[in-house]
C-alpha atoms as a PDB file:
ATOM      1  CA  MET A   1      58.532  98.860 -49.964  1.00  0.00           C
ATOM      2  CA  LYS A   2      56.982 102.585 -50.958  1.00  0.00           C
ATOM      3  CA  LYS A   3      54.932 102.774 -47.916  1.00  0.00           C
ATOM      4  CA  SER A   4      56.180 106.207 -46.431  1.00  0.00           C
ATOM      5  CA  LEU A   5      51.979 106.795 -46.164  1.00  0.00           C
ATOM      6  CA  ILE A   6      51.990 110.554 -45.135  1.00  0.00           C
ATOM      7  CA  ALA A   7      51.536 107.852 -41.844  1.00  0.00           C
ATOM      8  CA  LEU A   8      48.049 109.529 -41.972  1.00  0.00           C
ATOM      9  CA  ALA A   9      47.085 106.359 -44.576  1.00  0.00           C
ATOM     10  CA  VAL A  10      44.905 103.580 -43.182  1.00  0.00           C
ATOM     11  CA  ALA A  11      41.920 102.515 -45.976  1.00  0.00           C
ATOM     12  CA  GLY A  12      43.824 104.548 -48.507  1.00  0.00           C
ATOM     13  CA  VAL A  13      47.312 105.658 -48.329  1.00  0.00           C
ATOM     14  CA  VAL A  14      46.869 109.027 -46.745  1.00  0.00           C
ATOM     15  CA  SER A  15      43.269 109.273 -45.376  1.00  0.00           C
ATOM     16  CA  ALA A  16      43.088 108.809 -41.626  1.00  0.00           C
ATOM     17  CA  PRO A  17      45.737 108.978 -39.515  1.00  0.00           C
ATOM     18  CA  ALA A  18      47.754 105.759 -38.354  1.00  0.00           C
ATOM     19  CA  PHE A  19      48.595 106.860 -35.113  1.00  0.00           C
ATOM     20  CA  ALA A  20      46.987 105.759 -31.611  1.00  0.00           C
ATOM     21  CA  ALA A  21      45.745 108.278 -30.010  1.00  0.00           C
ATOM     22  CA  THR A  22      48.445 108.501 -26.739  1.00  0.00           C
ATOM     23  CA  ALA A  23      51.437 110.581 -26.004  1.00  0.00           C
ATOM     24  CA  ASN A  24      54.023 107.914 -26.506  1.00  0.00           C
ATOM     25  CA  VAL A  25      56.978 107.584 -28.937  1.00  0.00           C
ATOM     26  CA  ASP A  26      56.551 104.270 -31.496  1.00  0.00           C
ATOM     27  CA  ILE A  27      59.354 103.430 -32.784  1.00  0.00           C
ATOM     28  CA  TYR A  28      59.143 102.068 -36.064  1.00  0.00           C
ATOM     29  CA  GLY A  29      61.473 101.267 -39.213  1.00  0.00           C
ATOM     30  CA  ARG A  30      62.501  98.861 -42.340  1.00  0.00           C
ATOM     31  CA  MET A  31      65.793  97.009 -42.482  1.00  0.00           C
ATOM     32  CA  ALA A  32      66.713  95.634 -46.139  1.00  0.00           C
ATOM     33  CA  PHE A  33      70.426  94.670 -47.623  1.00  0.00           C
ATOM     34  CA  SER A  34      70.937  92.889 -50.983  1.00  0.00           C
ATOM     35  CA  VAL A  35      74.336  91.344 -52.414  1.00  0.00           C
ATOM     36  CA  ASP A  36      73.902  92.161 -56.093  1.00  0.00           C
ATOM     37  CA  PHE A  37      76.233  90.914 -59.348  1.00  0.00           C
ATOM     38  CA  ALA A  38      75.981  94.748 -61.193  1.00  0.00           C
ATOM     39  CA  ASP A  39      76.469  94.475 -64.983  1.00  0.00           C
ATOM     40  CA  THR A  40      76.852  98.245 -65.783  1.00  0.00           C
ATOM     41  CA  ASN A  41      78.676  97.627 -69.479  1.00  0.00           C
ATOM     42  CA  GLU A  42      81.187 100.160 -68.921  1.00  0.00           C
ATOM     43  CA  ALA A  43      84.084  99.875 -71.156  1.00  0.00           C
ATOM     44  CA  GLY A  44      86.855  98.510 -68.905  1.00  0.00           C
ATOM     45  CA  ASP A  45      84.906  97.124 -66.210  1.00  0.00           C
ATOM     46  CA  SER A  46      83.711  93.997 -65.383  1.00  0.00           C
ATOM     47  CA  ASP A  47      80.647  92.376 -64.162  1.00  0.00           C
ATOM     48  CA  ASP A  48      81.400  93.375 -59.839  1.00  0.00           C
ATOM     49  CA  ILE A  49      79.746  91.841 -56.952  1.00  0.00           C
ATOM     50  CA  VAL A  50      77.879  94.388 -54.630  1.00  0.00           C
ATOM     51  CA  THR A  51      78.070  93.223 -50.817  1.00  0.00           C
ATOM     52  CA  GLY A  52      75.707  94.815 -48.090  1.00  0.00           C
ATOM     53  CA  ARG A  53      73.640  96.981 -50.822  1.00  0.00           C
ATOM     54  CA  ASP A  54      71.071  99.086 -48.414  1.00  0.00           C
ATOM     55  CA  ASN A  55      67.773  98.681 -49.538  1.00  0.00           C
ATOM     56  CA  VAL A  56      66.401 102.559 -48.911  1.00  0.00           C
ATOM     57  CA  SER A  57      66.733 101.344 -44.898  1.00  0.00           C
ATOM     58  CA  ARG A  58      65.011 103.849 -42.569  1.00  0.00           C
ATOM     59  CA  ILE A  59      64.170 104.340 -38.742  1.00  0.00           C
ATOM     60  CA  GLY A  60      60.923 106.735 -37.969  1.00  0.00           C
ATOM     61  CA  PHE A  61      59.429 107.827 -34.624  1.00  0.00           C
ATOM     62  CA  LYS A  62      56.220 109.119 -34.289  1.00  0.00           C
ATOM     63  CA  GLY A  63      53.323 109.913 -32.103  1.00  0.00           C
ATOM     64  CA  SER A  64      49.741 111.868 -31.286  1.00  0.00           C
ATOM     65  CA  GLU A  65      48.027 113.970 -28.743  1.00  0.00           C
ATOM     66  CA  ASP A  66      44.374 113.329 -28.320  1.00  0.00           C
ATOM     67  CA  LEU A  67      43.145 117.192 -28.036  1.00  0.00           C
ATOM     68  CA  GLY A  68      39.679 116.309 -28.019  1.00  0.00           C
ATOM     69  CA  GLY A  69      36.596 116.528 -29.664  1.00  0.00           C
ATOM     70  CA  GLY A  70      37.983 114.315 -32.306  1.00  0.00           C
ATOM     71  CA  LEU A  71      41.193 116.342 -32.901  1.00  0.00           C
ATOM     72  CA  SER A  72      44.329 114.847 -32.771  1.00  0.00           C
ATOM     73  CA  ALA A  73      48.379 116.632 -32.737  1.00  0.00           C
ATOM     74  CA  ILE A  74      50.898 114.541 -34.989  1.00  0.00           C
ATOM     75  CA  TRP A  75      53.810 114.264 -35.899  1.00  0.00           C
ATOM     76  CA  GLN A  76      56.776 112.177 -37.211  1.00  0.00           C
ATOM     77  CA  VAL A  77      60.854 112.102 -38.064  1.00  0.00           C
ATOM     78  CA  GLU A  78      61.664 109.778 -40.571  1.00  0.00           C
ATOM     79  CA  THR A  79      65.795 109.434 -41.646  1.00  0.00           C
ATOM     80  CA  GLN A  80      66.981 107.142 -44.417  1.00  0.00           C
ATOM     81  CA  LEU A  81      70.110 104.753 -42.917  1.00  0.00           C
ATOM     82  CA  ASN A  82      72.252 104.982 -46.633  1.00  0.00           C
ATOM     83  CA  ALA A  83      74.704 102.066 -44.253  1.00  0.00           C
ATOM     84  CA  ASN A  84      76.425 100.745 -47.154  1.00  0.00           C
ATOM     85  CA  THR A  85      77.652 104.610 -47.377  1.00  0.00           C
ATOM     86  CA  GLY A  86      78.678 106.798 -44.360  1.00  0.00           C
ATOM     87  CA  SER A  87      78.387 110.087 -46.173  1.00  0.00           C
ATOM     88  CA  ALA A  88      77.040 112.213 -44.649  1.00  0.00           C
ATOM     89  CA  ALA A  89      75.420 113.911 -46.626  1.00  0.00           C
ATOM     90  CA  ASP A  90      72.909 111.228 -47.471  1.00  0.00           C
ATOM     91  CA  ASP A  91      72.915 110.568 -44.057  1.00  0.00           C
ATOM     92  CA  GLU A  92      71.154 113.535 -42.569  1.00  0.00           C
ATOM     93  CA  PHE A  93      68.691 113.545 -39.815  1.00  0.00           C
ATOM     94  CA  ALA A  94      65.584 113.565 -40.933  1.00  0.00           C
ATOM     95  CA  ASN A  95      65.434 113.298 -44.464  1.00  0.00           C
ATOM     96  CA  ARG A  96      63.172 111.506 -45.146  1.00  0.00           C
ATOM     97  CA  ASN A  97      58.908 112.308 -43.680  1.00  0.00           C
ATOM     98  CA  THR A  98      59.085 114.953 -41.298  1.00  0.00           C
ATOM     99  CA  PHE A  99      56.145 116.507 -39.987  1.00  0.00           C
ATOM    100  CA  VAL A 100      53.612 117.988 -37.487  1.00  0.00           C
ATOM    101  CA  GLY A 101      50.185 118.540 -38.021  1.00  0.00           C
ATOM    102  CA  LEU A 102      46.874 118.118 -36.968  1.00  0.00           C
ATOM    103  CA  SER A 103      43.786 115.314 -37.305  1.00  0.00           C
ATOM    104  CA  SER A 104      40.500 114.963 -37.103  1.00  0.00           C
ATOM    105  CA  LYS A 105      38.583 112.033 -38.241  1.00  0.00           C
ATOM    106  CA  SER A 106      35.685 114.152 -39.866  1.00  0.00           C
ATOM    107  CA  MET A 107      37.830 117.344 -41.431  1.00  0.00           C
ATOM    108  CA  GLY A 108      40.758 115.708 -42.240  1.00  0.00           C
ATOM    109  CA  THR A 109      44.068 116.378 -41.827  1.00  0.00           C
ATOM    110  CA  VAL A 110      46.590 118.972 -42.537  1.00  0.00           C
ATOM    111  CA  VAL A 111      50.469 118.555 -42.026  1.00  0.00           C
ATOM    112  CA  LEU A 112      53.731 120.836 -42.562  1.00  0.00           C
ATOM    113  CA  GLY A 113      56.883 119.717 -42.406  1.00  0.00           C
ATOM    114  CA  ARG A 114      59.219 117.596 -45.290  1.00  0.00           C
ATOM    115  CA  HIS A 115      56.669 114.409 -46.603  1.00  0.00           C
ATOM    116  CA  ASP A 116      56.082 112.469 -50.318  1.00  0.00           C
ATOM    117  CA  THR A 117      53.699 114.859 -52.062  1.00  0.00           C
ATOM    118  CA  PRO A 118      50.674 113.475 -53.290  1.00  0.00           C
ATOM    119  CA  TYR A 119      51.754 112.993 -56.313  1.00  0.00           C
ATOM    120  CA  LYS A 120      53.993 110.286 -55.361  1.00  0.00           C
ATOM    121  CA  LEU A 121      51.348 108.568 -53.529  1.00  0.00           C
ATOM    122  CA  ALA A 122      49.107 108.500 -55.771  1.00  0.00           C
ATOM    123  CA  THR A 123      50.845 105.436 -57.360  1.00  0.00           C
ATOM    124  CA  GLY A 124      53.574 104.241 -54.788  1.00  0.00           C
ATOM    125  CA  LYS A 125      51.430 101.390 -54.171  1.00  0.00           C
ATOM    126  CA  LEU A 126      51.376  99.593 -57.617  1.00  0.00           C
ATOM    127  CA  ASP A 127      55.243  99.444 -57.572  1.00  0.00           C
ATOM    128  CA  PRO A 128      55.803  95.902 -56.626  1.00  0.00           C
ATOM    129  CA  PHE A 129      59.747  96.526 -56.171  1.00  0.00           C
ATOM    130  CA  GLY A 130      59.512  99.504 -54.191  1.00  0.00           C
ATOM    131  CA  ASP A 131      62.812 100.454 -52.816  1.00  0.00           C
ATOM    132  CA  THR A 132      64.582  97.436 -54.278  1.00  0.00           C
ATOM    133  CA  ALA A 133      67.163  97.647 -57.802  1.00  0.00           C
ATOM    134  CA  GLY A 134      63.537  97.160 -59.583  1.00  0.00           C
ATOM    135  CA  ASP A 135      61.742 100.169 -57.890  1.00  0.00           C
ATOM    136  CA  TYR A 136      59.697 101.854 -60.370  1.00  0.00           C
ATOM    137  CA  ASN A 137      60.841 105.058 -60.350  1.00  0.00           C
ATOM    138  CA  THR A 138      63.349 103.975 -62.783  1.00  0.00           C
ATOM    139  CA  ILE A 139      60.629 105.114 -64.977  1.00  0.00           C
ATOM    140  CA  ILE A 140      57.957 106.872 -63.487  1.00  0.00           C
ATOM    141  CA  GLY A 141      58.748 110.586 -62.600  1.00  0.00           C
ATOM    142  CA  THR A 142      61.952 110.048 -64.511  1.00  0.00           C
ATOM    143  CA  THR A 143      63.553 111.283 -67.799  1.00  0.00           C
ATOM    144  CA  ALA A 144      66.830 111.036 -69.586  1.00  0.00           C
ATOM    145  CA  SER A 145      67.372 114.118 -66.881  1.00  0.00           C
ATOM    146  CA  GLY A 146      66.710 112.267 -63.508  1.00  0.00           C
ATOM    147  CA  THR A 147      63.954 111.786 -61.753  1.00  0.00           C
ATOM    148  CA  ILE A 148      62.003 115.825 -62.143  1.00  0.00           C
ATOM    149  CA  PHE A 149      58.827 114.123 -60.211  1.00  0.00           C
ATOM    150  CA  ASP A 150      57.866 111.626 -57.472  1.00  0.00           C
ATOM    151  CA  THR A 151      59.522 113.469 -55.371  1.00  0.00           C
ATOM    152  CA  ARG A 152      59.225 114.125 -51.486  1.00  0.00           C
ATOM    153  CA  ALA A 153      59.508 117.993 -50.857  1.00  0.00           C
ATOM    154  CA  ASN A 154      60.846 120.778 -48.580  1.00  0.00           C
ATOM    155  CA  GLN A 155      59.066 122.961 -46.881  1.00  0.00           C
ATOM    156  CA  THR A 156      55.291 121.443 -47.878  1.00  0.00           C
ATOM    157  CA  VAL A 157      51.559 121.818 -46.138  1.00  0.00           C
ATOM    158  CA  ALA A 158      49.810 119.514 -47.270  1.00  0.00           C
ATOM    159  CA  TYR A 159      45.845 118.737 -47.073  1.00  0.00           C
ATOM    160  CA  ILE A 160      44.462 115.371 -46.857  1.00  0.00           C
ATOM    161  CA  SER A 161      40.723 114.684 -46.347  1.00  0.00           C
ATOM    162  CA  PRO A 162      38.525 111.590 -45.340  1.00  0.00           C
ATOM    163  CA  THR A 163      37.068 109.096 -47.443  1.00  0.00           C
ATOM    164  CA  PHE A 164      34.224 108.932 -48.224  1.00  0.00           C
ATOM    165  CA  SER A 165      32.868 105.501 -49.479  1.00  0.00           C
ATOM    166  CA  GLY A 166      36.557 104.607 -51.027  1.00  0.00           C
ATOM    167  CA  PHE A 167      37.495 107.689 -51.876  1.00  0.00           C
ATOM    168  CA  HIS A 168      39.861 110.171 -50.323  1.00  0.00           C
ATOM    169  CA  ALA A 169      41.946 113.327 -52.321  1.00  0.00           C
ATOM    170  CA  ALA A 170      45.888 115.224 -50.616  1.00  0.00           C
ATOM    171  CA  LEU A 171      46.449 119.160 -51.858  1.00  0.00           C
ATOM    172  CA  ALA A 172      50.164 120.462 -51.004  1.00  0.00           C
ATOM    173  CA  TYR A 173      51.952 123.358 -51.728  1.00  0.00           C
ATOM    174  CA  VAL A 174      55.401 124.707 -51.677  1.00  0.00           C
ATOM    175  CA  GLU A 175      57.074 128.239 -51.591  1.00  0.00           C
ATOM    176  CA  VAL A 176      60.410 129.109 -51.744  1.00  0.00           C
ATOM    177  CA  LYS A 177      61.240 133.101 -50.761  1.00  0.00           C
ATOM    178  CA  LEU A 178      63.280 134.443 -53.559  1.00  0.00           C
ATOM    179  CA  ASN A 179      64.730 138.029 -53.584  1.00  0.00           C
ATOM    180  CA  GLU A 180      62.914 139.728 -55.994  1.00  0.00           C
ATOM    181  CA  ASP A 181      65.465 142.424 -56.528  1.00  0.00           C
ATOM    182  CA  THR A 182      68.426 140.083 -56.866  1.00  0.00           C
ATOM    183  CA  ASP A 183      67.268 136.876 -57.834  1.00  0.00           C
ATOM    184  CA  ALA A 184      68.306 135.461 -61.438  1.00  0.00           C
ATOM    185  CA  ALA A 185      64.841 134.547 -61.658  1.00  0.00           C
ATOM    186  CA  ALA A 186      63.901 137.814 -63.107  1.00  0.00           C
ATOM    187  CA  GLY A 187      60.410 138.016 -64.484  1.00  0.00           C
ATOM    188  CA  ASN A 188      59.093 134.780 -62.394  1.00  0.00           C
ATOM    189  CA  ASN A 189      59.652 135.956 -58.733  1.00  0.00           C
ATOM    190  CA  ASN A 190      58.004 132.813 -57.230  1.00  0.00           C
ATOM    191  CA  ALA A 191      59.732 129.432 -57.035  1.00  0.00           C
ATOM    192  CA  ASP A 192      56.471 126.931 -55.909  1.00  0.00           C
ATOM    193  CA  ALA A 193      54.842 123.612 -56.690  1.00  0.00           C
ATOM    194  CA  VAL A 194      51.625 122.759 -56.026  1.00  0.00           C
ATOM    195  CA  SER A 195      50.470 118.814 -55.848  1.00  0.00           C
ATOM    196  CA  ALA A 196      47.428 117.297 -55.976  1.00  0.00           C
ATOM    197  CA  MET A 197      45.444 113.395 -56.161  1.00  0.00           C
ATOM    198  CA  GLY A 198      42.346 112.151 -55.501  1.00  0.00           C
ATOM    199  CA  MET A 199      42.001 108.051 -54.709  1.00  0.00           C
ATOM    200  CA  TYR A 200      39.223 105.402 -54.868  1.00  0.00           C
ATOM    201  CA  GLU A 201      40.429 102.440 -53.082  1.00  0.00           C
ATOM    202  CA  ASN A 202      36.949  99.964 -53.122  1.00  0.00           C
ATOM    203  CA  GLY A 203      37.358  96.059 -52.808  1.00  0.00           C
ATOM    204  CA  PRO A 204      39.620  94.933 -56.005  1.00  0.00           C
ATOM    205  CA  LEU A 205      39.227  98.568 -57.201  1.00  0.00           C
ATOM    206  CA  PHE A 206      41.899 100.591 -57.418  1.00  0.00           C
ATOM    207  CA  ALA A 207      42.234 103.916 -59.444  1.00  0.00           C
ATOM    208  CA  SER A 208      44.330 107.098 -58.495  1.00  0.00           C
ATOM    209  CA  LEU A 209      44.535 110.237 -61.075  1.00  0.00           C
ATOM    210  CA  ALA A 210      47.261 113.304 -59.802  1.00  0.00           C
ATOM    211  CA  TYR A 211      48.662 116.027 -60.898  1.00  0.00           C
ATOM    212  CA  GLU A 212      51.687 118.225 -60.066  1.00  0.00           C
ATOM    213  CA  ALA A 213      53.487 121.504 -61.477  1.00  0.00           C
ATOM    214  CA  TYR A 214      56.461 123.295 -61.063  1.00  0.00           C
ATOM    215  CA  SER A 215      57.524 127.158 -61.525  1.00  0.00           C
ATOM    216  CA  GLY A 216      60.645 129.011 -60.392  1.00  0.00           C
ATOM    217  CA  GLY A 217      62.887 126.607 -60.727  1.00  0.00           C
ATOM    218  CA  ALA A 218      62.271 125.563 -57.278  1.00  0.00           C
ATOM    219  CA  GLY A 219      62.513 121.548 -58.548  1.00  0.00           C
ATOM    220  CA  GLY A 220      60.174 119.067 -61.393  1.00  0.00           C
ATOM    221  CA  GLY A 221      63.075 120.343 -64.023  1.00  0.00           C
ATOM    222  CA  SER A 222      61.458 123.874 -64.133  1.00  0.00           C
ATOM    223  CA  THR A 223      63.939 126.867 -64.232  1.00  0.00           C
ATOM    224  CA  GLY A 224      63.190 131.058 -63.563  1.00  0.00           C
ATOM    225  CA  VAL A 225      61.017 131.450 -66.528  1.00  0.00           C
ATOM    226  CA  ASP A 226      60.471 127.507 -67.429  1.00  0.00           C
ATOM    227  CA  ASP A 227      57.281 126.038 -65.883  1.00  0.00           C
ATOM    228  CA  THR A 228      56.977 122.265 -65.268  1.00  0.00           C
ATOM    229  CA  ASP A 229      54.147 120.261 -64.603  1.00  0.00           C
ATOM    230  CA  ALA A 230      53.079 116.199 -64.988  1.00  0.00           C
ATOM    231  CA  TRP A 231      49.908 114.303 -64.767  1.00  0.00           C
ATOM    232  CA  LYS A 232      49.560 110.584 -64.221  1.00  0.00           C
ATOM    233  CA  VAL A 233      46.867 107.808 -64.028  1.00  0.00           C
ATOM    234  CA  GLY A 234      46.374 104.412 -61.738  1.00  0.00           C
ATOM    235  CA  LEU A 235      44.829 101.751 -62.440  1.00  0.00           C
ATOM    236  CA  GLY A 236      44.970  98.381 -59.757  1.00  0.00           C
ATOM    237  CA  TYR A 237      42.898  95.255 -59.947  1.00  0.00           C
ATOM    238  CA  ALA A 238      42.669  92.331 -58.305  1.00  0.00           C
ATOM    239  CA  PHE A 239      41.411  88.910 -58.567  1.00  0.00           C
ATOM    240  CA  GLY A 240      41.962  85.669 -56.605  1.00  0.00           C
ATOM    241  CA  ASN A 241      45.394  85.170 -55.956  1.00  0.00           C
ATOM    242  CA  ALA A 242      46.844  87.645 -58.246  1.00  0.00           C
ATOM    243  CA  LYS A 243      47.475  91.383 -58.734  1.00  0.00           C
ATOM    244  CA  LEU A 244      47.833  94.062 -61.578  1.00  0.00           C
ATOM    245  CA  GLY A 245      48.266  97.386 -61.636  1.00  0.00           C
ATOM    246  CA  ALA A 246      49.395 100.213 -64.574  1.00  0.00           C
ATOM    247  CA  VAL A 247      50.460 103.748 -64.647  1.00  0.00           C
ATOM    248  CA  TYR A 248      50.572 106.598 -67.150  1.00  0.00           C
ATOM    249  CA  GLU A 249      52.517 109.855 -67.405  1.00  0.00           C
ATOM    250  CA  SER A 250      53.101 112.798 -69.499  1.00  0.00           C
ATOM    251  CA  ILE A 251      55.436 115.457 -68.335  1.00  0.00           C
ATOM    252  CA  ASP A 252      55.627 118.872 -70.038  1.00  0.00           C
ATOM    253  CA  SER A 253      58.115 121.168 -70.030  1.00  0.00           C
ATOM    254  CA  ASP A 254      57.753 124.454 -71.326  1.00  0.00           C
ATOM    255  CA  VAL A 255      61.584 124.571 -71.766  1.00  0.00           C
ATOM    256  CA  ALA A 256      61.797 124.393 -75.351  1.00  0.00           C
ATOM    257  CA  ALA A 257      62.716 121.309 -77.894  1.00  0.00           C
ATOM    258  CA  SER A 258      63.431 119.638 -73.314  1.00  0.00           C
ATOM    259  CA  ALA A 259      64.117 115.597 -73.404  1.00  0.00           C
ATOM    260  CA  ASN A 260      62.045 116.473 -70.021  1.00  0.00           C
ATOM    261  CA  THR A 261      59.032 116.367 -72.361  1.00  0.00           C
ATOM    262  CA  ARG A 262      57.744 113.004 -72.810  1.00  0.00           C
ATOM    263  CA  ASP A 263      54.749 110.338 -71.843  1.00  0.00           C
ATOM    264  CA  ALA A 264      55.881 106.609 -69.943  1.00  0.00           C
ATOM    265  CA  TRP A 265      53.950 104.130 -68.838  1.00  0.00           C
ATOM    266  CA  TYR A 266      54.365 100.559 -66.592  1.00  0.00           C
ATOM    267  CA  VAL A 267      53.129  97.468 -65.635  1.00  0.00           C
ATOM    268  CA  SER A 268      53.552  95.241 -63.134  1.00  0.00           C
ATOM    269  CA  GLY A 269      51.653  92.278 -61.749  1.00  0.00           C
ATOM    270  CA  VAL A 270      51.751  89.600 -58.067  1.00  0.00           C
ATOM    271  CA  TYR A 271      50.868  86.371 -57.820  1.00  0.00           C
ATOM    272  CA  SER A 272      50.912  84.790 -54.707  1.00  0.00           C
ATOM    273  CA  MET A 273      51.319  81.078 -54.154  1.00  0.00           C
ATOM    274  CA  GLY A 274      51.677  80.518 -49.611  1.00  0.00           C
ATOM    275  CA  ALA A 275      54.689  82.293 -48.751  1.00  0.00           C
ATOM    276  CA  ILE A 276      55.999  82.800 -52.413  1.00  0.00           C
ATOM    277  CA  ASP A 277      54.791  85.882 -54.179  1.00  0.00           C
ATOM    278  CA  LEU A 278      55.694  86.354 -57.719  1.00  0.00           C
ATOM    279  CA  LYS A 279      56.399  89.578 -59.228  1.00  0.00           C
ATOM    280  CA  ALA A 280      57.176  91.332 -63.031  1.00  0.00           C
ATOM    281  CA  ALA A 281      56.633  94.819 -63.639  1.00  0.00           C
ATOM    282  CA  TYR A 282      57.805  96.415 -67.151  1.00  0.00           C
ATOM    283  CA  GLY A 283      57.980 100.245 -68.084  1.00  0.00           C
ATOM    284  CA  VAL A 284      58.602 102.625 -71.210  1.00  0.00           C
ATOM    285  CA  SER A 285      60.011 106.220 -71.377  1.00  0.00           C
ATOM    286  CA  GLU A 286      59.310 107.183 -74.391  1.00  0.00           C
ATOM    287  CA  ASP A 287      61.386 109.309 -76.743  1.00  0.00           C
ATOM    288  CA  GLY A 288      61.377 113.613 -75.307  1.00  0.00           C
ATOM    289  CA  ASP A 289      60.938 116.931 -77.295  1.00  0.00           C
ATOM    290  CA  SER A 290      65.124 117.116 -77.771  1.00  0.00           C
ATOM    291  CA  ALA A 291      66.840 116.059 -81.175  1.00  0.00           C
ATOM    292  CA  ALA A 292      68.398 113.339 -79.072  1.00  0.00           C
ATOM    293  CA  ASP A 293      67.152 109.550 -78.644  1.00  0.00           C
ATOM    294  CA  THR A 294      66.503 110.008 -75.226  1.00  0.00           C
ATOM    295  CA  GLU A 295      64.047 107.327 -74.997  1.00  0.00           C
ATOM    296  CA  PHE A 296      64.569 104.429 -72.461  1.00  0.00           C
ATOM    297  CA  ASP A 297      62.794 100.881 -70.890  1.00  0.00           C
ATOM    298  CA  TYR A 298      62.910  98.517 -68.088  1.00  0.00           C
ATOM    299  CA  TRP A 299      61.833  95.300 -66.954  1.00  0.00           C
ATOM    300  CA  THR A 300      61.742  93.298 -63.164  1.00  0.00           C
ATOM    301  CA  VAL A 301      61.208  89.884 -62.217  1.00  0.00           C
ATOM    302  CA  GLY A 302      61.413  88.715 -59.014  1.00  0.00           C
ATOM    303  CA  ALA A 303      60.270  86.317 -56.435  1.00  0.00           C
ATOM    304  CA  ASP A 304      59.669  87.015 -52.250  1.00  0.00           C
ATOM    305  CA  TYR A 305      59.684  84.262 -49.860  1.00  0.00           C
ATOM    306  CA  ASN A 306      57.427  85.520 -46.850  1.00  0.00           C
ATOM    307  CA  LEU A 307      59.333  83.989 -43.610  1.00  0.00           C
ATOM    308  CA  SER A 308      56.886  85.853 -41.262  1.00  0.00           C
ATOM    309  CA  LYS A 309      54.278  88.614 -42.018  1.00  0.00           C
ATOM    310  CA  ARG A 310      57.073  91.250 -41.458  1.00  0.00           C
ATOM    311  CA  THR A 311      60.354  89.290 -42.782  1.00  0.00           C
ATOM    312  CA  LYS A 312      60.835  87.596 -46.021  1.00  0.00           C
ATOM    313  CA  LEU A 313      63.718  86.675 -48.723  1.00  0.00           C
ATOM    314  CA  PHE A 314      63.415  88.501 -51.646  1.00  0.00           C
ATOM    315  CA  ALA A 315      65.340  88.266 -54.909  1.00  0.00           C
ATOM    316  CA  LEU A 316      65.197  90.102 -58.461  1.00  0.00           C
ATOM    317  CA  TYR A 317      66.770  90.227 -61.995  1.00  0.00           C
ATOM    318  CA  ALA A 318      66.123  94.384 -63.166  1.00  0.00           C
ATOM    319  CA  THR A 319      67.346  95.229 -66.376  1.00  0.00           C
ATOM    320  CA  VAL A 320      67.507  99.382 -67.738  1.00  0.00           C
ATOM    321  CA  GLU A 321      68.302  99.423 -71.797  1.00  0.00           C
ATOM    322  CA  ASN A 322      69.271 102.775 -72.953  1.00  0.00           C
ATOM    323  CA  ALA A 323      69.074 104.531 -76.245  1.00  0.00           C
ATOM    324  CA  ALA A 324      72.203 105.210 -78.475  1.00  0.00           C
ATOM    325  CA  THR A 325      72.956 108.887 -75.843  1.00  0.00           C
ATOM    326  CA  THR A 326      70.656 107.985 -73.241  1.00  0.00           C
ATOM    327  CA  ALA A 327      72.876 107.129 -70.053  1.00  0.00           C
ATOM    328  CA  ALA A 328      69.660 106.047 -66.990  1.00  0.00           C
ATOM    329  CA  THR A 329      70.196 103.645 -64.370  1.00  0.00           C
ATOM    330  CA  LEU A 330      68.095 101.515 -62.108  1.00  0.00           C
ATOM    331  CA  SER A 331      67.213 104.381 -59.663  1.00  0.00           C
ATOM    332  CA  THR A 332      67.931 103.120 -56.213  1.00  0.00           C
ATOM    333  CA  THR A 333      70.877 101.486 -57.027  1.00  0.00           C
ATOM    334  CA  GLY A 334      73.303 104.232 -57.744  1.00  0.00           C
ATOM    335  CA  TYR A 335      75.221 102.270 -60.161  1.00  0.00           C
ATOM    336  CA  THR A 336      76.958 104.403 -63.192  1.00  0.00           C
ATOM    337  CA  ALA A 337      75.109 104.089 -66.405  1.00  0.00           C
ATOM    338  CA  THR A 338      77.219 104.655 -70.071  1.00  0.00           C
ATOM    339  CA  PRO A 339      74.876 106.234 -73.023  1.00  0.00           C
ATOM    340  CA  GLY A 340      73.832 103.748 -74.883  1.00  0.00           C
ATOM    341  CA  GLN A 341      74.866 101.057 -72.426  1.00  0.00           C
ATOM    342  CA  ASP A 342      72.561  98.796 -70.631  1.00  0.00           C
ATOM    343  CA  VAL A 343      72.515  98.258 -66.992  1.00  0.00           C
ATOM    344  CA  ASP A 344      71.473  94.660 -65.148  1.00  0.00           C
ATOM    345  CA  VAL A 345      71.358  93.668 -61.593  1.00  0.00           C
ATOM    346  CA  LEU A 346      70.776  89.942 -59.926  1.00  0.00           C
ATOM    347  CA  SER A 347      70.149  91.307 -56.254  1.00  0.00           C
ATOM    348  CA  ILE A 348      68.986  88.894 -53.541  1.00  0.00           C
ATOM    349  CA  GLY A 349      68.702  90.122 -49.817  1.00  0.00           C
ATOM    350  CA  ILE A 350      66.484  90.326 -46.904  1.00  0.00           C
ATOM    351  CA  ALA A 351      64.102  92.698 -46.109  1.00  0.00           C
ATOM    352  CA  HIS A 352      62.973  93.196 -41.817  1.00  0.00           C
ATOM    353  CA  THR A 353      59.999  95.735 -41.199  1.00  0.00           C
ATOM    354  CA  PHE A 354      59.562  96.679 -37.296  1.00  0.00           C
END
């Protein structure tokens, strides 16, 4: 599920390190595969059965060392398996959250390496379909140009505060070395990014606010001279056997008439009945600033049957509905979309965490 939680999270996703005070190495991971019935409505292509699609399986290693005085050294190496592709590029070792750092219960945690940005972590737990065909990154962080926010950043230095009365914060910074004399980004010598979030989680209430900005072509749809930034707010509430979530996001690009300048919103719900979780979600990426119609929306319904705390069966039906010139697709599937055509997927599978 979407729980690459800075592995520093216990109470609030990123508040305190989830590492034992031991020099031993802990091995963890997730294996999830599905059989999909996919219909991308492409001309000349009938519906397809896709067997054994990998739903973001991964394996990781982590550990810590007690340095005394409440201070610990922490580390993690995590790799996505991509077992259905066999692509050398996709299967690069340590391509997920991989970092080293220092952690103090009273002062907070500092990590250096590759990690989900605070912006991404701010609303991840509001996505009940994370790492499946119904993943909310079909909408959140994504525009008609593709996913430009809600990402995992290289060369990151991040600080995560302790939790105070249910509240904690995180801040990350990235800067890439450029040759100021020859780089094409003349007039903007810095390729950098900043990401920040605050999160409150206490009892049934969850709330978060996040901001992220890219410049100098570092990412996020920015160019050498044009910046792109985004902010979002997330709200969640649990009552009885039900959980509700909502996210509103606004992306702004300095590029004139950009499809990346757009607003989006997303809502989700989960109702639990014993071992069964019934789930639904709906989201809209509104029309951008370009002359073309770039709006698209999606909805997903599904259910999980929990065989144990670590093993479940899942089934879902997800759809992306594209405007005439939009070719958005379900974010984790890789199924090709044709402009103006819908993408429909029925996915049935099994997931096991260890």
